[in-house]
């Protein structure tokens, strides 16, 4: 059960609607091992930020940041137990970082060329 959730956090779909983003955040928070904060408290903190997002780039950036935090949080737990989940988390962290890098490039193109230029460049 945990590894299925873990796989969904490690595999990134950068093209999400706002509703899908909330669902993604919710599933990500199920993995966060924070002793003093429950997933629902963490989620309500991020929902406030989510409503203030003006662009999809900010939205995806939020999901990536949350995922990175979640994966880093669970890594020590899986390091102790070892096995395939540890390498899955490590590849998930690399996946988040590479997606963040390509997202930054896309955001620059969007700012430079506007929506029409961005769509022409990427589609």
PDB file of N, CA and C in Angstrom:
ATOM      1  N   UNK A   1       0.833  -1.198   0.000  1.00  0.00           N
ATOM      2  CA  UNK A   1       0.000   0.000   0.000  1.00  0.00           C
ATOM      3  C   UNK A   1       0.872   1.254   0.000  1.00  0.00           C
ATOM      4  N   UNK A   2       1.866   1.294   0.882  1.00  0.00           N
ATOM      5  CA  UNK A   2       2.722   2.479   0.959  1.00  0.00           C
ATOM      6  C   UNK A   2       3.514   2.655  -0.319  1.00  0.00           C
ATOM      7  N   UNK A   3       4.042   1.547  -0.873  1.00  0.00           N
ATOM      8  CA  UNK A   3       4.885   1.697  -2.056  1.00  0.00           C
ATOM      9  C   UNK A   3       4.090   2.203  -3.256  1.00  0.00           C
ATOM     10  N   UNK A   4       2.798   1.868  -3.350  1.00  0.00           N
ATOM     11  CA  UNK A   4       1.980   2.407  -4.439  1.00  0.00           C
ATOM     12  C   UNK A   4       1.872   3.919  -4.314  1.00  0.00           C
ATOM     13  N   UNK A   5       1.619   4.415  -3.092  1.00  0.00           N
ATOM     14  CA  UNK A   5       1.557   5.856  -2.876  1.00  0.00           C
ATOM     15  C   UNK A   5       2.906   6.484  -3.166  1.00  0.00           C
ATOM     16  N   UNK A   6       3.954   5.799  -2.750  1.00  0.00           N
ATOM     17  CA  UNK A   6       5.306   6.287  -2.953  1.00  0.00           C
ATOM     18  C   UNK A   6       5.601   6.423  -4.440  1.00  0.00           C
ATOM     19  N   UNK A   7       5.199   5.430  -5.217  1.00  0.00           N
ATOM     20  CA  UNK A   7       5.411   5.488  -6.664  1.00  0.00           C
ATOM     21  C   UNK A   7       4.674   6.674  -7.273  1.00  0.00           C
ATOM     22  N   UNK A   8       3.455   6.937  -6.799  1.00  0.00           N
ATOM     23  CA  UNK A   8       2.700   8.059  -7.362  1.00  0.00           C
ATOM     24  C   UNK A   8       3.353   9.392  -7.038  1.00  0.00           C
ATOM     25  N   UNK A   9       4.036   9.481  -5.892  1.00  0.00           N
ATOM     26  CA  UNK A   9       4.725  10.718  -5.540  1.00  0.00           C
ATOM     27  C   UNK A   9       6.014  10.868  -6.343  1.00  0.00           C
ATOM     28  N   UNK A  10       6.658   9.749  -6.648  1.00  0.00           N
ATOM     29  CA  UNK A  10       7.922   9.799  -7.389  1.00  0.00           C
ATOM     30  C   UNK A  10       7.709  10.040  -8.883  1.00  0.00           C
ATOM     31  N   UNK A  11       6.538   9.697  -9.402  1.00  0.00           N
ATOM     32  CA  UNK A  11       6.242   9.938 -10.816  1.00  0.00           C
ATOM     33  C   UNK A  11       5.491  11.252 -10.933  1.00  0.00           C
ATOM     34  N   UNK A  12       6.029  12.156 -11.730  1.00  0.00           N
ATOM     35  CA  UNK A  12       5.502  13.520 -11.757  1.00  0.00           C
ATOM     36  C   UNK A  12       4.769  13.807 -13.061  1.00  0.00           C
ATOM     37  N   UNK A  13       3.575  14.346 -12.934  1.00  0.00           N
ATOM     38  CA  UNK A  13       2.841  14.859 -14.084  1.00  0.00           C
ATOM     39  C   UNK A  13       2.764  16.371 -13.910  1.00  0.00           C
ATOM     40  N   UNK A  14       3.576  17.132 -14.666  1.00  0.00           N
ATOM     41  CA  UNK A  14       3.598  18.581 -14.449  1.00  0.00           C
ATOM     42  C   UNK A  14       2.368  19.317 -14.973  1.00  0.00           C
ATOM     43  N   UNK A  15       1.486  18.634 -15.694  1.00  0.00           N
ATOM     44  CA  UNK A  15       0.314  19.307 -16.257  1.00  0.00           C
ATOM     45  C   UNK A  15      -0.930  18.899 -15.470  1.00  0.00           C
ATOM     46  N   UNK A  16      -1.199  19.621 -14.401  1.00  0.00           N
ATOM     47  CA  UNK A  16      -2.298  19.282 -13.506  1.00  0.00           C
ATOM     48  C   UNK A  16      -3.313  20.415 -13.429  1.00  0.00           C
ATOM     49  N   UNK A  17      -4.582  20.051 -13.261  1.00  0.00           N
ATOM     50  CA  UNK A  17      -5.577  21.076 -12.964  1.00  0.00           C
ATOM     51  C   UNK A  17      -5.474  21.404 -11.478  1.00  0.00           C
ATOM     52  N   UNK A  18      -6.163  22.451 -11.050  1.00  0.00           N
ATOM     53  CA  UNK A  18      -6.101  22.817  -9.630  1.00  0.00           C
ATOM     54  C   UNK A  18      -6.700  21.727  -8.738  1.00  0.00           C
ATOM     55  N   UNK A  19      -7.774  21.100  -9.190  1.00  0.00           N
ATOM     56  CA  UNK A  19      -8.378  20.024  -8.397  1.00  0.00           C
ATOM     57  C   UNK A  19      -7.422  18.836  -8.295  1.00  0.00           C
ATOM     58  N   UNK A  20      -6.810  18.470  -9.426  1.00  0.00           N
ATOM     59  CA  UNK A  20      -5.838  17.377  -9.405  1.00  0.00           C
ATOM     60  C   UNK A  20      -4.673  17.719  -8.485  1.00  0.00           C
ATOM     61  N   UNK A  21      -4.299  18.990  -8.467  1.00  0.00           N
ATOM     62  CA  UNK A  21      -3.193  19.413  -7.617  1.00  0.00           C
ATOM     63  C   UNK A  21      -3.523  19.184  -6.152  1.00  0.00           C
ATOM     64  N   UNK A  22      -4.742  19.512  -5.748  1.00  0.00           N
ATOM     65  CA  UNK A  22      -5.156  19.261  -4.361  1.00  0.00           C
ATOM     66  C   UNK A  22      -5.093  17.773  -4.038  1.00  0.00           C
ATOM     67  N   UNK A  23      -5.541  16.949  -4.981  1.00  0.00           N
ATOM     68  CA  UNK A  23      -5.483  15.503  -4.773  1.00  0.00           C
ATOM     69  C   UNK A  23      -4.042  15.021  -4.673  1.00  0.00           C
ATOM     70  N   UNK A  24      -3.178  15.577  -5.529  1.00  0.00           N
ATOM     71  CA  UNK A  24      -1.756  15.223  -5.489  1.00  0.00           C
ATOM     72  C   UNK A  24      -1.154  15.594  -4.142  1.00  0.00           C
ATOM     73  N   UNK A  25      -1.476  16.791  -3.664  1.00  0.00           N
ATOM     74  CA  UNK A  25      -0.938  17.235  -2.380  1.00  0.00           C
ATOM     75  C   UNK A  25      -1.427  16.328  -1.256  1.00  0.00           C
ATOM     76  N   UNK A  26      -2.699  15.964  -1.337  1.00  0.00           N
ATOM     77  CA  UNK A  26      -3.271  15.114  -0.292  1.00  0.00           C
ATOM     78  C   UNK A  26      -2.561  13.765  -0.245  1.00  0.00           C
ATOM     79  N   UNK A  27      -2.351  13.155  -1.418  1.00  0.00           N
ATOM     80  CA  UNK A  27      -1.679  11.852  -1.432  1.00  0.00           C
ATOM     81  C   UNK A  27      -0.224  11.982  -0.994  1.00  0.00           C
ATOM     82  N   UNK A  28       0.405  13.100  -1.330  1.00  0.00           N
ATOM     83  CA  UNK A  28       1.790  13.314  -0.918  1.00  0.00           C
ATOM     84  C   UNK A  28       1.886  13.418   0.595  1.00  0.00           C
ATOM     85  N   UNK A  29       0.942  14.123   1.203  1.00  0.00           N
ATOM     86  CA  UNK A  29       1.010  14.331   2.644  1.00  0.00           C
ATOM     87  C   UNK A  29       0.777  13.049   3.439  1.00  0.00           C
ATOM     88  N   UNK A  30       0.195  12.046   2.810  1.00  0.00           N
ATOM     89  CA  UNK A  30       0.028  10.768   3.507  1.00  0.00           C
ATOM     90  C   UNK A  30       1.393  10.153   3.812  1.00  0.00           C
ATOM     91  N   UNK A  31       2.417  10.562   3.055  1.00  0.00           N
ATOM     92  CA  UNK A  31       3.753   9.996   3.227  1.00  0.00           C
ATOM     93  C   UNK A  31       4.628  10.774   4.197  1.00  0.00           C
ATOM     94  N   UNK A  32       4.226  11.986   4.534  1.00  0.00           N
ATOM     95  CA  UNK A  32       5.106  12.825   5.342  1.00  0.00           C
ATOM     96  C   UNK A  32       5.112  12.328   6.785  1.00  0.00           C
ATOM     97  N   UNK A  33       6.294  12.018   7.271  1.00  0.00           N
ATOM     98  CA  UNK A  33       6.415  11.526   8.644  1.00  0.00           C
ATOM     99  C   UNK A  33       6.790  12.672   9.572  1.00  0.00           C
ATOM    100  N   UNK A  34       5.840  13.538   9.839  1.00  0.00           N
ATOM    101  CA  UNK A  34       6.061  14.670  10.744  1.00  0.00           C
ATOM    102  C   UNK A  34       5.363  14.338  12.054  1.00  0.00           C
ATOM    103  N   UNK A  35       6.110  14.163  13.152  1.00  0.00           N
ATOM    104  CA  UNK A  35       5.470  13.749  14.399  1.00  0.00           C
ATOM    105  C   UNK A  35       4.498  14.783  14.971  1.00  0.00           C
ATOM    106  N   UNK A  36       4.794  16.067  14.772  1.00  0.00           N
ATOM    107  CA  UNK A  36       3.953  17.088  15.397  1.00  0.00           C
ATOM    108  C   UNK A  36       2.866  17.638  14.481  1.00  0.00           C
ATOM    109  N   UNK A  37       2.903  17.308  13.207  1.00  0.00           N
ATOM    110  CA  UNK A  37       1.887  17.813  12.280  1.00  0.00           C
ATOM    111  C   UNK A  37       1.229  16.658  11.542  1.00  0.00           C
ATOM    112  N   UNK A  38      -0.080  16.604  11.599  1.00  0.00           N
ATOM    113  CA  UNK A  38      -0.780  15.565  10.850  1.00  0.00           C
ATOM    114  C   UNK A  38      -0.907  16.013   9.396  1.00  0.00           C
ATOM    115  N   UNK A  39      -1.124  15.060   8.474  1.00  0.00           N
ATOM    116  CA  UNK A  39      -1.301  15.440   7.064  1.00  0.00           C
ATOM    117  C   UNK A  39      -2.392  16.480   6.849  1.00  0.00           C
ATOM    118  N   UNK A  40      -3.494  16.399   7.623  1.00  0.00           N
ATOM    119  CA  UNK A  40      -4.590  17.362   7.415  1.00  0.00           C
ATOM    120  C   UNK A  40      -4.171  18.782   7.793  1.00  0.00           C
ATOM    121  N   UNK A  41      -3.349  18.920   8.842  1.00  0.00           N
ATOM    122  CA  UNK A  41      -2.873  20.249   9.236  1.00  0.00           C
ATOM    123  C   UNK A  41      -1.943  20.804   8.165  1.00  0.00           C
ATOM    124  N   UNK A  42      -1.025  19.969   7.695  1.00  0.00           N
ATOM    125  CA  UNK A  42      -0.110  20.402   6.637  1.00  0.00           C
ATOM    126  C   UNK A  42      -0.881  20.794   5.383  1.00  0.00           C
ATOM    127  N   UNK A  43      -1.867  19.980   5.032  1.00  0.00           N
ATOM    128  CA  UNK A  43      -2.643  20.248   3.822  1.00  0.00           C
ATOM    129  C   UNK A  43      -3.388  21.564   3.930  1.00  0.00           C
ATOM    130  N   UNK A  44      -3.975  21.849   5.086  1.00  0.00           N
ATOM    131  CA  UNK A  44      -4.706  23.113   5.225  1.00  0.00           C
ATOM    132  C   UNK A  44      -3.754  24.306   5.120  1.00  0.00           C
ATOM    133  N   UNK A  45      -2.523  24.149   5.594  1.00  0.00           N
ATOM    134  CA  UNK A  45      -1.529  25.222   5.438  1.00  0.00           C
ATOM    135  C   UNK A  45      -1.254  25.503   3.962  1.00  0.00           C
ATOM    136  N   UNK A  46      -1.142  24.435   3.160  1.00  0.00           N
ATOM    137  CA  UNK A  46      -0.825  24.612   1.744  1.00  0.00           C
ATOM    138  C   UNK A  46      -2.037  25.043   0.932  1.00  0.00           C
ATOM    139  N   UNK A  47      -3.245  24.686   1.379  1.00  0.00           N
ATOM    140  CA  UNK A  47      -4.446  25.080   0.629  1.00  0.00           C
ATOM    141  C   UNK A  47      -4.570  26.592   0.570  1.00  0.00           C
ATOM    142  N   UNK A  48      -4.177  27.277   1.641  1.00  0.00           N
ATOM    143  CA  UNK A  48      -4.195  28.738   1.640  1.00  0.00           C
ATOM    144  C   UNK A  48      -3.279  29.292   0.568  1.00  0.00           C
ATOM    145  N   UNK A  49      -2.097  28.708   0.446  1.00  0.00           N
ATOM    146  CA  UNK A  49      -1.162  29.142  -0.589  1.00  0.00           C
ATOM    147  C   UNK A  49      -1.715  28.837  -1.972  1.00  0.00           C
ATOM    148  N   UNK A  50      -2.353  27.679  -2.094  1.00  0.00           N
ATOM    149  CA  UNK A  50      -2.860  27.235  -3.387  1.00  0.00           C
ATOM    150  C   UNK A  50      -3.882  28.208  -3.955  1.00  0.00           C
ATOM    151  N   UNK A  51      -4.738  28.761  -3.098  1.00  0.00           N
ATOM    152  CA  UNK A  51      -5.774  29.673  -3.584  1.00  0.00           C
ATOM    153  C   UNK A  51      -5.181  30.992  -4.086  1.00  0.00           C
ATOM    154  N   UNK A  52      -3.957  31.312  -3.668  1.00  0.00           N
ATOM    155  CA  UNK A  52      -3.310  32.550  -4.108  1.00  0.00           C
ATOM    156  C   UNK A  52      -2.412  32.377  -5.330  1.00  0.00           C
ATOM    157  N   UNK A  53      -2.337  31.169  -5.861  1.00  0.00           N
ATOM    158  CA  UNK A  53      -1.472  30.935  -7.017  1.00  0.00           C
ATOM    159  C   UNK A  53      -2.062  31.614  -8.249  1.00  0.00           C
ATOM    160  N   UNK A  54      -1.233  32.364  -8.957  1.00  0.00           N
ATOM    161  CA  UNK A  54      -1.762  33.069 -10.124  1.00  0.00           C
ATOM    162  C   UNK A  54      -1.469  32.336 -11.426  1.00  0.00           C
ATOM    163  N   UNK A  55      -0.416  31.545 -11.471  1.00  0.00           N
ATOM    164  CA  UNK A  55      -0.099  30.834 -12.713  1.00  0.00           C
ATOM    165  C   UNK A  55       0.037  29.344 -12.448  1.00  0.00           C
ATOM    166  N   UNK A  56      -0.101  28.576 -13.515  1.00  0.00           N
ATOM    167  CA  UNK A  56       0.085  27.133 -13.391  1.00  0.00           C
ATOM    168  C   UNK A  56       1.520  26.799 -13.011  1.00  0.00           C
ATOM    169  N   UNK A  57       2.453  27.652 -13.403  1.00  0.00           N
ATOM    170  CA  UNK A  57       3.852  27.415 -13.039  1.00  0.00           C
ATOM    171  C   UNK A  57       4.015  27.433 -11.522  1.00  0.00           C
ATOM    172  N   UNK A  58       3.367  28.403 -10.876  1.00  0.00           N
ATOM    173  CA  UNK A  58       3.436  28.480  -9.413  1.00  0.00           C
ATOM    174  C   UNK A  58       2.799  27.252  -8.777  1.00  0.00           C
ATOM    175  N   UNK A  59       1.716  26.804  -9.392  1.00  0.00           N
ATOM    176  CA  UNK A  59       0.996  25.635  -8.896  1.00  0.00           C
ATOM    177  C   UNK A  59       1.878  24.392  -8.941  1.00  0.00           C
ATOM    178  N   UNK A  60       2.512  24.171 -10.077  1.00  0.00           N
ATOM    179  CA  UNK A  60       3.383  23.002 -10.225  1.00  0.00           C
ATOM    180  C   UNK A  60       4.591  23.128  -9.299  1.00  0.00           C
ATOM    181  N   UNK A  61       5.114  24.339  -9.183  1.00  0.00           N
ATOM    182  CA  UNK A  61       6.246  24.582  -8.281  1.00  0.00           C
ATOM    183  C   UNK A  61       5.873  24.207  -6.846  1.00  0.00           C
ATOM    184  N   UNK A  62       4.650  24.525  -6.450  1.00  0.00           N
ATOM    185  CA  UNK A  62       4.173  24.174  -5.114  1.00  0.00           C
ATOM    186  C   UNK A  62       4.147  22.659  -4.927  1.00  0.00           C
ATOM    187  N   UNK A  63       3.584  21.953  -5.901  1.00  0.00           N
ATOM    188  CA  UNK A  63       3.514  20.494  -5.813  1.00  0.00           C
ATOM    189  C   UNK A  63       4.918  19.898  -5.720  1.00  0.00           C
ATOM    190  N   UNK A  64       5.829  20.414  -6.546  1.00  0.00           N
ATOM    191  CA  UNK A  64       7.199  19.897  -6.535  1.00  0.00           C
ATOM    192  C   UNK A  64       7.874  20.142  -5.191  1.00  0.00           C
ATOM    193  N   UNK A  65       7.666  21.325  -4.631  1.00  0.00           N
ATOM    194  CA  UNK A  65       8.274  21.638  -3.332  1.00  0.00           C
ATOM    195  C   UNK A  65       7.740  20.720  -2.240  1.00  0.00           C
ATOM    196  N   UNK A  66       6.433  20.502  -2.262  1.00  0.00           N
ATOM    197  CA  UNK A  66       5.818  19.630  -1.264  1.00  0.00           C
ATOM    198  C   UNK A  66       6.326  18.202  -1.429  1.00  0.00           C
ATOM    199  N   UNK A  67       6.408  17.753  -2.668  1.00  0.00           N
ATOM    200  CA  UNK A  67       6.895  16.393  -2.914  1.00  0.00           C
ATOM    201  C   UNK A  67       8.334  16.229  -2.459  1.00  0.00           C
ATOM    202  N   UNK A  68       9.148  17.232  -2.744  1.00  0.00           N
ATOM    203  CA  UNK A  68      10.551  17.163  -2.344  1.00  0.00           C
ATOM    204  C   UNK A  68      10.644  17.043  -0.821  1.00  0.00           C
ATOM    205  N   UNK A  69       9.866  17.873  -0.126  1.00  0.00           N
ATOM    206  CA  UNK A  69       9.842  17.835   1.338  1.00  0.00           C
ATOM    207  C   UNK A  69       9.368  16.467   1.837  1.00  0.00           C
ATOM    208  N   UNK A  70       8.322  15.950   1.216  1.00  0.00           N
ATOM    209  CA  UNK A  70       7.769  14.659   1.635  1.00  0.00           C
ATOM    210  C   UNK A  70       8.777  13.532   1.426  1.00  0.00           C
ATOM    211  N   UNK A  71       9.411  13.518   0.270  1.00  0.00           N
ATOM    212  CA  UNK A  71      10.379  12.461  -0.024  1.00  0.00           C
ATOM    213  C   UNK A  71      11.586  12.534   0.899  1.00  0.00           C
ATOM    214  N   UNK A  72      12.053  13.759   1.165  1.00  0.00           N
ATOM    215  CA  UNK A  72      13.172  13.905   2.104  1.00  0.00           C
ATOM    216  C   UNK A  72      12.776  13.440   3.502  1.00  0.00           C
ATOM    217  N   UNK A  73      11.526  13.691   3.870  1.00  0.00           N
ATOM    218  CA  UNK A  73      11.047  13.303   5.199  1.00  0.00           C
ATOM    219  C   UNK A  73      11.028  11.791   5.384  1.00  0.00           C
ATOM    220  N   UNK A  74      10.636  11.066   4.337  1.00  0.00           N
ATOM    221  CA  UNK A  74      10.522   9.613   4.486  1.00  0.00           C
ATOM    222  C   UNK A  74      11.823   8.873   4.185  1.00  0.00           C
ATOM    223  N   UNK A  75      12.780   9.539   3.564  1.00  0.00           N
ATOM    224  CA  UNK A  75      14.024   8.860   3.179  1.00  0.00           C
ATOM    225  C   UNK A  75      14.732   8.182   4.355  1.00  0.00           C
ATOM    226  N   UNK A  76      14.910   8.853   5.512  1.00  0.00           N
ATOM    227  CA  UNK A  76      15.598   8.175   6.624  1.00  0.00           C
ATOM    228  C   UNK A  76      14.889   6.887   7.069  1.00  0.00           C
ATOM    229  N   UNK A  77      13.566   6.900   7.035  1.00  0.00           N
ATOM    230  CA  UNK A  77      12.795   5.714   7.426  1.00  0.00           C
ATOM    231  C   UNK A  77      13.106   4.547   6.490  1.00  0.00           C
ATOM    232  N   UNK A  78      13.121   4.815   5.187  1.00  0.00           N
ATOM    233  CA  UNK A  78      13.378   3.746   4.224  1.00  0.00           C
ATOM    234  C   UNK A  78      14.852   3.367   4.162  1.00  0.00           C
ATOM    235  N   UNK A  79      15.739   4.304   4.508  1.00  0.00           N
ATOM    236  CA  UNK A  79      17.170   3.982   4.573  1.00  0.00           C
ATOM    237  C   UNK A  79      17.414   2.910   5.636  1.00  0.00           C
ATOM    238  N   UNK A  80      16.713   3.030   6.765  1.00  0.00           N
ATOM    239  CA  UNK A  80      16.867   2.039   7.835  1.00  0.00           C
ATOM    240  C   UNK A  80      16.359   0.673   7.390  1.00  0.00           C
ATOM    241  N   UNK A  81      15.229   0.669   6.682  1.00  0.00           N
ATOM    242  CA  UNK A  81      14.663  -0.615   6.259  1.00  0.00           C
ATOM    243  C   UNK A  81      15.304  -1.130   4.969  1.00  0.00           C
ATOM    244  N   UNK A  82      15.930  -0.220   4.192  1.00  0.00           N
ATOM    245  CA  UNK A  82      16.632  -0.628   2.965  1.00  0.00           C
ATOM    246  C   UNK A  82      15.674  -1.100   1.884  1.00  0.00           C
ATOM    247  N   UNK A  83      16.238  -1.715   0.854  1.00  0.00           N
ATOM    248  CA  UNK A  83      15.421  -2.295  -0.202  1.00  0.00           C
ATOM    249  C   UNK A  83      15.127  -1.340  -1.336  1.00  0.00           C
ATOM    250  N   UNK A  84      14.141  -1.739  -2.135  1.00  0.00           N
ATOM    251  CA  UNK A  84      13.843  -1.008  -3.365  1.00  0.00           C
ATOM    252  C   UNK A  84      13.220   0.359  -3.122  1.00  0.00           C
ATOM    253  N   UNK A  85      12.521   0.537  -1.994  1.00  0.00           N
ATOM    254  CA  UNK A  85      11.889   1.832  -1.737  1.00  0.00           C
ATOM    255  C   UNK A  85      12.902   2.953  -1.582  1.00  0.00           C
ATOM    256  N   UNK A  86      14.067   2.639  -1.031  1.00  0.00           N
ATOM    257  CA  UNK A  86      15.102   3.662  -0.881  1.00  0.00           C
ATOM    258  C   UNK A  86      15.542   4.180  -2.249  1.00  0.00           C
ATOM    259  N   UNK A  87      15.782   3.277  -3.188  1.00  0.00           N
ATOM    260  CA  UNK A  87      16.193   3.726  -4.527  1.00  0.00           C
ATOM    261  C   UNK A  87      15.040   4.422  -5.251  1.00  0.00           C
ATOM    262  N   UNK A  88      13.806   4.007  -4.975  1.00  0.00           N
ATOM    263  CA  UNK A  88      12.637   4.669  -5.562  1.00  0.00           C
ATOM    264  C   UNK A  88      12.554   6.116  -5.088  1.00  0.00           C
ATOM    265  N   UNK A  89      12.787   6.333  -3.795  1.00  0.00           N
ATOM    266  CA  UNK A  89      12.754   7.692  -3.248  1.00  0.00           C
ATOM    267  C   UNK A  89      13.880   8.526  -3.840  1.00  0.00           C
ATOM    268  N   UNK A  90      15.071   7.951  -3.950  1.00  0.00           N
ATOM    269  CA  UNK A  90      16.198   8.696  -4.515  1.00  0.00           C
ATOM    270  C   UNK A  90      15.926   9.088  -5.965  1.00  0.00           C
ATOM    271  N   UNK A  91      15.353   8.173  -6.745  1.00  0.00           N
ATOM    272  CA  UNK A  91      15.022   8.530  -8.131  1.00  0.00           C
ATOM    273  C   UNK A  91      13.894   9.554  -8.164  1.00  0.00           C
ATOM    274  N   UNK A  92      12.975   9.477  -7.195  1.00  0.00           N
ATOM    275  CA  UNK A  92      11.910  10.477  -7.096  1.00  0.00           C
ATOM    276  C   UNK A  92      12.459  11.859  -6.813  1.00  0.00           C
ATOM    277  N   UNK A  93      13.453  11.948  -5.926  1.00  0.00           N
ATOM    278  CA  UNK A  93      14.089  13.239  -5.622  1.00  0.00           C
ATOM    279  C   UNK A  93      14.769  13.806  -6.865  1.00  0.00           C
ATOM    280  N   UNK A  94      15.467  12.952  -7.601  1.00  0.00           N
ATOM    281  CA  UNK A  94      16.110  13.403  -8.849  1.00  0.00           C
ATOM    282  C   UNK A  94      15.066  13.849  -9.863  1.00  0.00           C
ATOM    283  N   UNK A  95      13.957  13.127  -9.920  1.00  0.00           N
ATOM    284  CA  UNK A  95      12.854  13.459 -10.817  1.00  0.00           C
ATOM    285  C   UNK A  95      12.294  14.845 -10.489  1.00  0.00           C
ATOM    286  N   UNK A  96      12.112  15.118  -9.194  1.00  0.00           N
ATOM    287  CA  UNK A  96      11.606  16.428  -8.761  1.00  0.00           C
ATOM    288  C   UNK A  96      12.578  17.527  -9.172  1.00  0.00           C
ATOM    289  N   UNK A  97      13.867  17.309  -8.917  1.00  0.00           N
ATOM    290  CA  UNK A  97      14.869  18.336  -9.237  1.00  0.00           C
ATOM    291  C   UNK A  97      14.942  18.605 -10.734  1.00  0.00           C
ATOM    292  N   UNK A  98      14.917  17.551 -11.555  1.00  0.00           N
ATOM    293  CA  UNK A  98      14.993  17.770 -13.006  1.00  0.00           C
ATOM    294  C   UNK A  98      13.727  18.443 -13.526  1.00  0.00           C
ATOM    295  N   UNK A  99      12.569  18.096 -12.946  1.00  0.00           N
ATOM    296  CA  UNK A  99      11.320  18.750 -13.353  1.00  0.00           C
ATOM    297  C   UNK A  99      11.335  20.218 -12.950  1.00  0.00           C
ATOM    298  N   UNK A 100      11.875  20.513 -11.754  1.00  0.00           N
ATOM    299  CA  UNK A 100      11.978  21.912 -11.312  1.00  0.00           C
ATOM    300  C   UNK A 100      12.852  22.712 -12.271  1.00  0.00           C
ATOM    301  N   UNK A 101      13.952  22.111 -12.718  1.00  0.00           N
ATOM    302  CA  UNK A 101      14.862  22.800 -13.637  1.00  0.00           C
ATOM    303  C   UNK A 101      14.176  23.085 -14.972  1.00  0.00           C
ATOM    304  N   UNK A 102      13.493  22.091 -15.532  1.00  0.00           N
ATOM    305  CA  UNK A 102      12.824  22.318 -16.817  1.00  0.00           C
ATOM    306  C   UNK A 102      11.647  23.278 -16.664  1.00  0.00           C
ATOM    307  N   UNK A 103      10.989  23.244 -15.507  1.00  0.00           N
ATOM    308  CA  UNK A 103       9.889  24.176 -15.246  1.00  0.00           C
ATOM    309  C   UNK A 103      10.398  25.615 -15.212  1.00  0.00           C
ATOM    310  N   UNK A 104      11.559  25.822 -14.618  1.00  0.00           N
ATOM    311  CA  UNK A 104      12.141  27.171 -14.557  1.00  0.00           C
ATOM    312  C   UNK A 104      12.416  27.694 -15.962  1.00  0.00           C
ATOM    313  N   UNK A 105      12.897  26.831 -16.835  1.00  0.00           N
ATOM    314  CA  UNK A 105      13.155  27.226 -18.230  1.00  0.00           C
ATOM    315  C   UNK A 105      11.839  27.569 -18.924  1.00  0.00           C
ATOM    316  N   UNK A 106      10.822  26.727 -18.725  1.00  0.00           N
ATOM    317  CA  UNK A 106       9.509  26.996 -19.327  1.00  0.00           C
ATOM    318  C   UNK A 106       8.934  28.321 -18.832  1.00  0.00           C
ATOM    319  N   UNK A 107       9.070  28.585 -17.542  1.00  0.00           N
ATOM    320  CA  UNK A 107       8.537  29.826 -16.971  1.00  0.00           C
ATOM    321  C   UNK A 107       9.233  31.042 -17.571  1.00  0.00           C
ATOM    322  N   UNK A 108      10.538  30.940 -17.805  1.00  0.00           N
ATOM    323  CA  UNK A 108      11.276  32.040 -18.444  1.00  0.00           C
ATOM    324  C   UNK A 108      10.771  32.269 -19.859  1.00  0.00           C
ATOM    325  N   UNK A 109      10.540  31.187 -20.605  1.00  0.00           N
ATOM    326  CA  UNK A 109      10.027  31.308 -21.972  1.00  0.00           C
ATOM    327  C   UNK A 109       8.646  31.961 -21.961  1.00  0.00           C
ATOM    328  N   UNK A 110       7.837  31.574 -20.980  1.00  0.00           N
ATOM    329  CA  UNK A 110       6.492  32.127 -20.867  1.00  0.00           C
ATOM    330  C   UNK A 110       6.558  33.626 -20.607  1.00  0.00           C
ATOM    331  N   UNK A 111       7.440  34.048 -19.698  1.00  0.00           N
ATOM    332  CA  UNK A 111       7.590  35.473 -19.389  1.00  0.00           C
ATOM    333  C   UNK A 111       8.147  36.230 -20.586  1.00  0.00           C
ATOM    334  N   UNK A 112       9.049  35.611 -21.308  1.00  0.00           N
ATOM    335  CA  UNK A 112       9.717  36.286 -22.423  1.00  0.00           C
ATOM    336  C   UNK A 112       8.799  36.441 -23.637  1.00  0.00           C
ATOM    337  N   UNK A 113       8.069  35.368 -23.968  1.00  0.00           N
ATOM    338  CA  UNK A 113       7.286  35.376 -25.205  1.00  0.00           C
ATOM    339  C   UNK A 113       5.783  35.483 -25.001  1.00  0.00           C
ATOM    340  N   UNK A 114       5.310  35.425 -23.763  1.00  0.00           N
ATOM    341  CA  UNK A 114       3.874  35.454 -23.518  1.00  0.00           C
ATOM    342  C   UNK A 114       3.251  34.104 -23.823  1.00  0.00           C
ATOM    343  N   UNK A 115       1.951  34.027 -23.652  1.00  0.00           N
ATOM    344  CA  UNK A 115       1.255  32.750 -23.792  1.00  0.00           C
ATOM    345  C   UNK A 115       1.349  32.185 -25.201  1.00  0.00           C
ATOM    346  N   UNK A 116       1.129  33.027 -26.218  1.00  0.00           N
ATOM    347  CA  UNK A 116       1.132  32.549 -27.605  1.00  0.00           C
ATOM    348  C   UNK A 116       2.511  32.024 -27.984  1.00  0.00           C
ATOM    349  N   UNK A 117       3.541  32.788 -27.652  1.00  0.00           N
ATOM    350  CA  UNK A 117       4.908  32.352 -27.951  1.00  0.00           C
ATOM    351  C   UNK A 117       5.275  31.092 -27.207  1.00  0.00           C
ATOM    352  N   UNK A 118       4.816  30.987 -25.988  1.00  0.00           N
ATOM    353  CA  UNK A 118       5.093  29.801 -25.180  1.00  0.00           C
ATOM    354  C   UNK A 118       4.434  28.574 -25.810  1.00  0.00           C
ATOM    355  N   UNK A 119       3.164  28.718 -26.210  1.00  0.00           N
ATOM    356  CA  UNK A 119       2.446  27.594 -26.821  1.00  0.00           C
ATOM    357  C   UNK A 119       3.105  27.178 -28.129  1.00  0.00           C
ATOM    358  N   UNK A 120       3.547  28.162 -28.914  1.00  0.00           N
ATOM    359  CA  UNK A 120       4.227  27.858 -30.175  1.00  0.00           C
ATOM    360  C   UNK A 120       5.528  27.108 -29.903  1.00  0.00           C
ATOM    361  N   UNK A 121       6.251  27.546 -28.896  1.00  0.00           N
ATOM    362  CA  UNK A 121       7.560  26.977 -28.576  1.00  0.00           C
ATOM    363  C   UNK A 121       7.447  25.542 -28.062  1.00  0.00           C
ATOM    364  N   UNK A 122       6.404  25.252 -27.279  1.00  0.00           N
ATOM    365  CA  UNK A 122       6.304  23.944 -26.630  1.00  0.00           C
ATOM    366  C   UNK A 122       5.279  22.992 -27.236  1.00  0.00           C
ATOM    367  N   UNK A 123       4.494  23.448 -28.214  1.00  0.00           N
ATOM    368  CA  UNK A 123       3.455  22.533 -28.724  1.00  0.00           C
ATOM    369  C   UNK A 123       3.479  22.388 -30.216  1.00  0.00           C
TER     370      UNK A 123
END
